[in-house]
N, C-alpha and C. Protein backbone atom coordinates (compact mmCIF):
# COMPACT_ATOMS: atom_id res chain seq x y z
N MET A 1 185.04 86.70 14.08
CA MET A 1 184.17 84.99 13.33
C MET A 1 184.55 84.58 15.42
N CYS A 2 182.86 83.93 15.56
CA CYS A 2 182.59 84.09 16.83
C CYS A 2 183.20 81.79 17.32
N PRO A 3 183.17 81.68 18.26
CA PRO A 3 183.43 80.61 18.36
C PRO A 3 182.76 79.57 18.72
N SER A 4 183.27 78.28 18.22
CA SER A 4 182.07 77.29 18.04
C SER A 4 181.10 77.12 18.75
N PRO A 5 180.57 76.65 18.97
CA PRO A 5 179.49 77.04 20.33
C PRO A 5 180.14 76.06 21.71
N ALA A 6 181.11 75.56 21.45
CA ALA A 6 182.02 73.80 21.93
C ALA A 6 182.52 74.89 22.43
N ALA A 7 183.49 75.76 22.59
CA ALA A 7 184.53 76.08 22.76
C ALA A 7 183.09 77.85 23.50
N ALA A 8 182.73 78.14 23.07
CA ALA A 8 181.79 79.03 23.77
C ALA A 8 182.01 78.77 25.55
N SER A 9 182.02 79.50 25.76
CA SER A 9 181.68 79.28 27.69
C SER A 9 180.46 79.96 28.01
N LEU A 10 179.80 78.70 28.39
CA LEU A 10 178.57 80.07 29.23
C LEU A 10 178.77 80.31 30.24
N ARG A 11 178.02 81.90 30.43
CA ARG A 11 177.78 82.23 31.81
C ARG A 11 176.99 81.65 33.03
N ARG A 12 177.80 81.00 34.22
CA ARG A 12 176.73 80.14 34.98
C ARG A 12 175.94 81.25 35.78
N VAL A 13 174.50 81.40 35.94
CA VAL A 13 173.32 81.99 36.68
C VAL A 13 173.29 81.67 37.06
N PRO A 14 173.03 82.17 38.84
CA PRO A 14 172.79 81.33 39.75
C PRO A 14 170.95 81.18 40.30
N HIS A 15 170.82 80.36 40.93
CA HIS A 15 169.10 80.24 40.57
C HIS A 15 168.50 80.80 42.15
N VAL A 16 167.79 82.35 41.79
CA VAL A 16 167.42 82.96 43.10
C VAL A 16 165.58 82.71 43.13
N ARG A 17 165.20 81.96 44.37
CA ARG A 17 164.24 82.07 44.33
C ARG A 17 162.95 83.45 44.90
N GLN A 18 161.67 83.43 44.43
CA GLN A 18 161.52 85.06 44.49
C GLN A 18 160.72 84.35 46.07
N SER A 19 160.00 85.49 47.18
CA SER A 19 160.25 85.40 48.38
C SER A 19 157.73 85.60 48.52
N PHE A 20 158.20 86.69 47.02
CA PHE A 20 156.32 86.47 47.61
C PHE A 20 155.90 86.16 45.64
N SER A 21 154.65 86.98 45.57
CA SER A 21 154.09 86.11 44.68
C SER A 21 154.47 87.76 43.73
N TRP A 22 154.89 89.15 43.50
CA TRP A 22 155.60 89.93 43.24
C TRP A 22 156.46 90.10 43.30
N ASP A 23 157.71 89.55 43.43
CA ASP A 23 159.32 90.31 43.12
C ASP A 23 160.15 89.50 42.36
N CYS A 24 158.78 88.67 41.45
CA CYS A 24 159.95 87.58 40.66
C CYS A 24 160.90 88.63 39.67
N GLY A 25 160.51 89.87 39.29
CA GLY A 25 161.82 91.43 38.69
C GLY A 25 163.22 90.82 39.90
N PHE A 26 162.25 91.10 41.44
CA PHE A 26 163.68 91.29 42.18
C PHE A 26 164.02 90.63 41.80
N ALA A 27 164.06 89.00 41.67
CA ALA A 27 164.59 87.66 41.77
C ALA A 27 165.70 87.45 40.77
N CYS A 28 164.85 87.73 39.55
CA CYS A 28 165.96 88.01 38.13
C CYS A 28 166.91 89.03 37.99
N THR A 29 166.69 89.97 38.97
CA THR A 29 167.80 91.50 38.99
C THR A 29 168.57 90.48 39.47
N GLU A 30 169.13 90.22 40.75
CA GLU A 30 169.67 89.00 41.09
C GLU A 30 170.05 88.28 40.51
N MET A 31 169.85 87.48 40.16
CA MET A 31 170.54 86.52 39.38
C MET A 31 171.16 87.08 38.00
N ALA A 32 170.74 88.00 37.24
CA ALA A 32 171.95 89.02 36.55
C ALA A 32 173.02 89.50 36.87
N LEU A 33 172.59 90.26 38.05
CA LEU A 33 174.43 91.34 39.24
C LEU A 33 174.70 89.50 39.60
N ARG A 34 174.42 88.75 39.89
CA ARG A 34 175.29 87.81 40.65
C ARG A 34 176.02 87.18 39.23
N ALA A 35 175.32 86.99 38.34
CA ALA A 35 175.98 86.29 37.75
C ALA A 35 177.03 87.18 36.92
N LEU A 36 176.25 88.83 36.50
CA LEU A 36 178.17 89.33 36.42
C LEU A 36 178.77 90.16 37.57
N GLY A 37 179.01 89.38 38.14
CA GLY A 37 179.97 89.47 39.61
C GLY A 37 180.07 89.89 40.64
N VAL A 38 178.64 91.09 40.74
CA VAL A 38 178.27 91.37 41.83
C VAL A 38 178.09 90.35 43.36
N PRO A 39 178.86 90.27 44.39
CA PRO A 39 178.08 90.15 45.30
C PRO A 39 176.93 89.96 45.73
N ALA A 40 176.56 88.72 46.70
CA ALA A 40 175.47 88.44 46.41
C ALA A 40 175.21 89.15 47.91
N ARG A 41 175.44 89.74 48.86
CA ARG A 41 175.51 90.69 49.63
C ARG A 41 174.93 92.45 49.12
N GLU A 42 175.54 92.46 48.01
CA GLU A 42 175.26 93.68 48.31
C GLU A 42 173.88 94.09 46.98
N CYS A 43 173.45 92.99 46.63
CA CYS A 43 172.47 92.76 45.40
C CYS A 43 170.96 91.48 45.63
N HIS A 44 171.77 91.12 46.91
CA HIS A 44 170.40 90.38 47.45
C HIS A 44 168.87 90.41 47.04
N VAL A 45 168.25 89.69 46.88
CA VAL A 45 166.54 89.89 46.79
C VAL A 45 166.04 91.69 47.75
N SER A 46 166.57 91.03 49.10
CA SER A 46 166.24 92.02 50.41
C SER A 46 166.74 93.21 50.45
N GLN A 47 168.38 93.27 49.65
CA GLN A 47 168.44 95.06 49.11
C GLN A 47 167.54 95.56 48.17
N LEU A 48 167.24 95.03 47.28
CA LEU A 48 167.18 95.24 45.57
C LEU A 48 165.15 96.39 46.35
N ARG A 49 164.22 95.57 47.46
CA ARG A 49 163.54 96.03 47.72
C ARG A 49 163.74 97.44 47.93
N LYS A 50 164.19 97.43 49.17
CA LYS A 50 164.91 98.51 49.31
C LYS A 50 164.72 100.07 48.56
N ARG A 51 165.49 99.75 47.39
CA ARG A 51 165.39 100.61 46.33
C ARG A 51 163.91 100.82 45.71
N VAL A 52 163.04 100.24 46.20
CA VAL A 52 162.10 100.37 45.31
C VAL A 52 160.49 100.95 46.47
N PRO A 53 159.86 101.57 46.05
CA PRO A 53 159.54 102.15 47.51
C PRO A 53 157.75 101.78 47.52
N SER A 54 157.52 100.46 47.19
CA SER A 54 156.13 100.11 47.01
C SER A 54 157.01 98.36 46.25
N SER A 55 156.01 97.87 46.73
CA SER A 55 155.56 95.99 46.29
C SER A 55 155.15 95.46 45.10
N SER A 56 154.49 96.89 44.74
CA SER A 56 153.88 96.57 43.33
C SER A 56 155.08 96.78 42.18
N ILE A 57 156.06 96.44 42.00
CA ILE A 57 157.06 96.48 40.94
C ILE A 57 157.26 96.93 39.16
N TRP A 58 157.97 97.33 39.10
CA TRP A 58 157.49 97.37 37.20
C TRP A 58 159.08 97.66 36.87
N THR A 59 159.38 97.41 35.44
CA THR A 59 160.04 96.07 35.40
C THR A 59 160.27 97.99 34.95
N VAL A 60 160.44 98.88 34.77
CA VAL A 60 161.13 100.50 34.73
C VAL A 60 162.29 100.08 36.09
N ASP A 61 161.56 99.57 37.24
CA ASP A 61 161.74 99.46 38.52
C ASP A 61 163.89 98.67 38.81
N LEU A 62 163.18 97.74 37.25
CA LEU A 62 164.30 97.56 37.17
C LEU A 62 165.41 97.70 36.43
N ALA A 63 164.79 98.38 35.50
CA ALA A 63 165.73 99.05 34.65
C ALA A 63 166.84 99.99 34.92
N PHE A 64 166.17 100.87 36.37
CA PHE A 64 166.87 101.82 37.41
C PHE A 64 167.44 101.37 38.05
N ILE A 65 167.05 99.71 38.43
CA ILE A 65 168.30 99.35 39.78
C ILE A 65 169.68 98.76 39.18
N LEU A 66 169.49 97.90 38.09
CA LEU A 66 170.30 97.23 37.13
C LEU A 66 171.05 98.92 36.65
N ARG A 67 170.03 99.93 36.72
CA ARG A 67 172.08 101.77 36.04
C ARG A 67 172.26 101.95 37.70
N GLU A 68 171.34 101.73 38.39
CA GLU A 68 172.33 102.04 39.90
C GLU A 68 173.60 101.11 40.09
N PHE A 69 173.74 99.94 38.87
CA PHE A 69 174.61 98.91 39.60
C PHE A 69 175.58 99.19 38.35
N GLY A 70 174.59 100.15 37.36
CA GLY A 70 176.39 100.55 36.43
C GLY A 70 176.51 100.00 34.80
N LEU A 71 174.86 98.85 34.74
CA LEU A 71 175.25 97.84 33.71
C LEU A 71 174.54 98.99 32.70
N ARG A 72 174.58 98.60 30.96
CA ARG A 72 174.52 99.33 30.30
C ARG A 72 173.56 98.03 29.45
N PHE A 73 172.94 98.26 28.99
CA PHE A 73 171.58 97.19 28.28
C PHE A 73 170.62 97.88 27.43
N ARG A 74 169.84 96.95 26.79
CA ARG A 74 168.64 97.57 25.88
C ARG A 74 167.53 97.20 27.02
N PHE A 75 166.16 98.89 26.94
CA PHE A 75 164.95 98.04 28.01
C PHE A 75 163.85 97.85 26.35
N LEU A 76 163.53 96.78 26.74
CA LEU A 76 162.27 96.79 25.09
C LEU A 76 161.09 96.75 25.96
N THR A 77 160.70 97.97 25.70
CA THR A 77 159.42 97.89 26.91
C THR A 77 157.91 97.71 25.40
N ALA A 78 157.11 97.09 26.03
CA ALA A 78 155.53 96.96 24.54
C ALA A 78 154.41 98.19 24.59
N THR A 79 154.46 98.55 25.90
CA THR A 79 153.94 100.20 26.53
C THR A 79 154.86 100.86 27.23
N LEU A 80 155.14 102.56 26.76
CA LEU A 80 155.58 103.81 27.35
C LEU A 80 154.51 103.60 28.38
N GLY A 81 154.95 103.66 29.18
CA GLY A 81 154.30 103.56 31.27
C GLY A 81 153.39 102.70 31.61
N VAL A 82 151.99 103.41 32.33
CA VAL A 82 150.75 102.21 32.24
C VAL A 82 150.68 102.29 31.92
N ASP A 83 150.08 101.05 31.21
CA ASP A 83 149.26 100.71 30.05
C ASP A 83 147.73 100.48 30.83
N PRO A 84 146.66 101.05 30.82
CA PRO A 84 146.10 101.62 31.69
C PRO A 84 144.74 100.55 31.60
N SER A 85 144.87 99.18 30.48
CA SER A 85 143.71 97.95 30.81
C SER A 85 144.35 97.47 31.31
N TYR A 86 145.64 97.51 32.14
CA TYR A 86 145.90 97.04 33.69
C TYR A 86 145.09 97.10 35.13
N SER A 87 144.33 98.09 34.75
CA SER A 87 143.04 98.53 36.27
C SER A 87 141.65 97.37 36.18
N ALA A 88 141.93 96.81 34.60
CA ALA A 88 141.35 95.55 35.07
C ALA A 88 141.66 94.12 35.67
N GLU A 89 142.92 93.77 36.01
CA GLU A 89 143.07 93.41 36.00
C GLU A 89 143.54 93.43 37.76
N ALA A 90 143.14 92.23 38.38
CA ALA A 90 143.17 92.74 40.25
C ALA A 90 144.32 92.95 41.23
N PHE A 91 145.56 92.21 40.32
CA PHE A 91 146.83 92.45 40.52
C PHE A 91 147.18 94.20 40.53
N TYR A 92 146.58 94.41 39.58
CA TYR A 92 147.08 96.09 40.01
C TYR A 92 146.25 96.96 40.21
N ARG A 93 144.74 96.57 39.97
CA ARG A 93 143.75 97.67 40.56
C ARG A 93 144.38 98.41 41.86
N PRO A 94 144.06 97.81 42.75
CA PRO A 94 144.75 97.91 44.39
C PRO A 94 145.37 99.87 44.30
N THR A 95 146.22 100.04 43.83
CA THR A 95 147.81 100.13 43.34
C THR A 95 147.83 101.16 42.28
N LEU A 96 147.00 101.06 41.23
CA LEU A 96 146.92 101.51 40.24
C LEU A 96 147.85 102.90 39.44
N GLU A 97 146.59 103.79 40.15
CA GLU A 97 147.19 104.46 40.08
C GLU A 97 147.90 105.82 40.89
N ARG A 98 147.93 105.52 42.31
CA ARG A 98 149.22 105.40 42.81
C ARG A 98 150.40 105.01 41.78
N ASP A 99 150.83 103.84 40.91
CA ASP A 99 152.34 103.35 40.85
C ASP A 99 152.10 104.19 39.05
N ALA A 100 150.63 104.64 39.19
CA ALA A 100 151.05 105.56 37.87
C ALA A 100 151.84 106.58 36.95
N GLU A 101 152.11 107.49 38.48
CA GLU A 101 152.42 108.76 38.65
C GLU A 101 154.38 108.42 38.87
N ARG A 102 154.12 106.83 39.65
CA ARG A 102 155.73 106.67 40.07
C ARG A 102 156.06 106.20 38.55
N VAL A 103 155.87 105.72 38.31
CA VAL A 103 155.68 104.87 36.99
C VAL A 103 156.64 105.99 35.89
N ASN A 104 155.06 106.35 35.55
CA ASN A 104 155.10 107.36 33.98
C ASN A 104 156.40 108.10 34.58
N THR A 105 156.01 108.77 35.72
CA THR A 105 157.65 109.74 36.13
C THR A 105 159.11 109.03 35.97
N LEU A 106 159.47 107.60 36.13
CA LEU A 106 160.58 107.30 35.74
C LEU A 106 160.79 107.25 34.24
N PHE A 107 159.54 106.52 33.48
CA PHE A 107 159.91 106.84 31.96
C PHE A 107 160.14 107.99 31.93
N GLY A 108 159.77 108.58 32.18
CA GLY A 108 160.00 110.53 31.70
C GLY A 108 161.75 110.76 32.02
N ARG A 109 162.29 109.99 33.69
CA ARG A 109 163.75 110.49 33.68
C ARG A 109 164.38 109.11 33.71
N ALA A 110 163.98 108.77 32.20
CA ALA A 110 165.50 107.15 31.87
C ALA A 110 166.23 107.91 30.99
N GLY A 111 165.59 108.62 30.04
CA GLY A 111 167.45 109.23 29.04
C GLY A 111 167.71 109.51 29.94
N ALA A 112 167.33 110.50 31.11
CA ALA A 112 168.71 111.82 32.16
C ALA A 112 169.73 110.67 32.79
N ALA A 113 168.80 109.15 32.65
CA ALA A 113 169.64 108.64 33.77
C ALA A 113 170.52 107.85 32.59
N ASP A 114 170.54 108.37 31.64
CA ASP A 114 171.00 107.06 30.56
C ASP A 114 170.50 105.36 30.43
N ILE A 115 169.29 105.55 30.66
CA ILE A 115 168.24 104.44 30.05
C ILE A 115 168.10 104.37 28.52
N ALA A 116 169.03 103.62 28.12
CA ALA A 116 167.41 103.56 26.91
C ALA A 116 166.88 102.68 26.58
N ILE A 117 165.57 102.85 26.19
CA ILE A 117 164.26 102.72 25.73
C ILE A 117 163.67 103.12 25.13
N GLU A 118 163.09 101.43 24.00
CA GLU A 118 162.57 101.38 23.21
C GLU A 118 161.50 100.70 23.46
N GLN A 119 160.03 101.25 22.42
CA GLN A 119 159.32 100.38 22.72
C GLN A 119 158.61 99.26 21.15
N ARG A 120 158.66 97.90 21.78
CA ARG A 120 158.49 97.30 20.88
C ARG A 120 158.97 95.86 21.28
N SER A 121 158.15 94.87 21.03
CA SER A 121 158.21 93.46 21.38
C SER A 121 159.17 92.95 20.96
N ILE A 122 159.86 91.89 21.30
CA ILE A 122 160.79 91.24 20.31
C ILE A 122 160.80 90.00 20.10
N SER A 123 161.39 89.29 18.45
CA SER A 123 160.44 88.28 18.06
C SER A 123 161.50 87.24 18.63
N PRO A 124 160.60 85.97 18.10
CA PRO A 124 161.56 84.58 18.99
C PRO A 124 162.33 84.68 17.75
N SER A 125 162.93 85.37 17.16
CA SER A 125 164.30 84.78 16.31
C SER A 125 164.50 85.91 16.10
N GLU A 126 165.02 87.02 17.23
CA GLU A 126 166.05 87.81 17.38
C GLU A 126 166.18 87.53 18.74
N LEU A 127 165.34 87.18 19.68
CA LEU A 127 165.77 86.32 20.78
C LEU A 127 166.99 85.09 20.96
N ARG A 128 165.87 84.40 19.94
CA ARG A 128 167.06 83.19 19.76
C ARG A 128 168.81 83.70 19.67
N VAL A 129 168.86 84.68 18.24
CA VAL A 129 170.19 85.50 18.44
C VAL A 129 170.52 86.60 19.15
N LEU A 130 169.59 86.98 19.85
CA LEU A 130 170.14 87.53 20.67
C LEU A 130 171.27 86.82 22.74
N CYS A 131 170.26 85.28 22.09
CA CYS A 131 170.74 84.32 22.92
C CYS A 131 172.03 83.28 22.49
N GLY A 132 172.06 83.79 21.32
CA GLY A 132 173.91 82.75 21.16
C GLY A 132 173.05 81.84 20.36
N GLY A 133 172.08 82.42 19.20
CA GLY A 133 172.40 80.24 17.92
C GLY A 133 172.88 80.64 17.75
N ALA A 134 173.11 79.88 16.35
CA ALA A 134 174.19 78.29 15.79
C ALA A 134 174.79 79.37 15.03
N HIS A 135 175.07 81.20 15.07
CA HIS A 135 175.36 82.09 13.94
C HIS A 135 175.47 82.90 14.47
N THR A 136 175.26 83.04 16.12
CA THR A 136 175.93 84.15 16.19
C THR A 136 176.54 83.66 17.41
N CYS A 137 177.75 84.93 18.12
CA CYS A 137 178.81 84.84 19.99
C CYS A 137 177.94 84.69 20.31
N GLY A 138 176.65 85.74 20.20
CA GLY A 138 175.52 85.58 21.86
C GLY A 138 176.27 86.07 22.67
N GLY A 139 176.47 86.16 23.62
CA GLY A 139 177.02 86.17 25.55
C GLY A 139 176.23 87.20 25.87
N ASN A 140 175.24 87.91 25.98
CA ASN A 140 174.13 88.00 26.29
C ASN A 140 173.64 87.57 27.49
N LEU A 141 173.39 88.51 28.29
CA LEU A 141 172.07 87.64 29.93
C LEU A 141 171.07 88.71 29.48
N ILE A 142 170.25 87.95 29.27
CA ILE A 142 168.51 88.55 28.90
C ILE A 142 167.33 88.14 30.10
N ILE A 143 166.93 89.28 31.12
CA ILE A 143 166.34 89.30 31.09
C ILE A 143 164.92 89.17 30.80
N GLY A 144 163.76 88.52 31.18
CA GLY A 144 162.86 88.28 29.82
C GLY A 144 161.39 88.17 30.69
N LEU A 145 160.89 89.29 30.86
CA LEU A 145 159.37 89.19 32.46
C LEU A 145 158.22 89.59 31.16
N ALA A 146 157.50 88.51 31.32
CA ALA A 146 156.47 89.00 31.02
C ALA A 146 155.20 88.42 32.33
N ARG A 147 154.30 89.19 31.66
CA ARG A 147 152.33 88.76 32.41
C ARG A 147 151.94 87.57 32.36
N TRP A 148 152.39 86.84 33.61
CA TRP A 148 151.93 85.68 33.85
C TRP A 148 150.30 85.23 32.88
N GLY A 149 149.65 85.87 33.49
CA GLY A 149 147.87 86.04 32.99
C GLY A 149 148.20 85.88 31.72
N SER A 150 149.40 86.21 30.63
CA SER A 150 149.03 86.41 29.14
C SER A 150 148.62 85.60 28.40
N ALA A 151 148.53 85.55 27.44
CA ALA A 151 147.72 84.88 26.27
C ALA A 151 148.66 84.05 25.68
N SER A 152 149.59 84.04 25.11
CA SER A 152 151.24 83.39 24.63
C SER A 152 151.13 82.42 26.46
N LEU A 153 150.90 83.53 27.34
CA LEU A 153 151.78 81.93 28.68
C LEU A 153 151.13 81.34 28.98
N ARG A 154 149.66 81.18 28.48
CA ARG A 154 149.01 80.60 28.99
C ARG A 154 147.92 79.82 27.80
N ARG A 155 149.09 79.80 26.28
CA ARG A 155 149.01 78.76 25.23
C ARG A 155 150.11 77.87 25.31
N ARG A 156 151.16 78.21 26.25
CA ARG A 156 152.32 77.24 26.60
C ARG A 156 152.02 76.18 27.90
N ARG A 157 151.15 76.95 28.43
CA ARG A 157 150.96 76.08 29.76
C ARG A 157 150.21 74.91 29.39
N ALA A 158 148.97 75.64 28.55
CA ALA A 158 148.18 74.31 28.05
C ALA A 158 149.22 73.17 27.34
N ARG A 159 150.06 74.06 26.89
CA ARG A 159 150.50 72.55 26.22
C ARG A 159 151.74 71.94 26.81
N GLY A 160 152.31 73.23 27.97
CA GLY A 160 153.02 71.75 28.81
C GLY A 160 154.03 72.60 28.61
N THR A 161 154.88 73.28 28.37
CA THR A 161 155.73 74.08 28.00
C THR A 161 155.87 75.20 28.49
N SER A 162 155.18 75.58 29.68
CA SER A 162 155.76 77.04 29.89
C SER A 162 157.07 77.74 30.78
N GLY A 163 157.78 76.87 30.97
CA GLY A 163 159.29 76.89 31.21
C GLY A 163 159.57 77.37 32.28
N THR A 164 160.77 77.60 32.82
CA THR A 164 160.81 77.82 33.98
C THR A 164 161.07 79.40 34.89
N THR A 165 160.20 79.66 35.17
CA THR A 165 159.51 81.29 35.94
C THR A 165 160.54 81.76 36.93
N CYS A 166 160.71 82.79 37.29
CA CYS A 166 161.91 83.26 37.73
C CYS A 166 161.37 83.23 39.70
């Protein structure tokens, strides 16, 4: 049986500000690692950046970093590999071809690295359960990355409910 929400202790997640427009994934990864007890000097954003040979960071890069720290997790993604439609976006265009080879290779190596990848999105109700909604124990630490220009984020910004970004 799950403890009552009042009895359950919440995990303290330190806030880490991103340094550049492209490193929010690193900031989120540092926050998660520190919340799980990894000393800041071992997982500081500057240390994490050294683990990826690009300033174009993809979620699969973060999955490999988390695995290097010994974490077990579920990695859900809408696209296995690089979505070719990203070539239309100014942020990805300059490095997409080079990134595609690296990123697709990482996806191919994920199984051997003991990284379980599921090609799917997560529903709001499933997210509530994972976060520890009223009828579940929760206890999960979730890193949710979304493309800033996505339609759902544009709608939330228009309503003034965009939430906190990492």
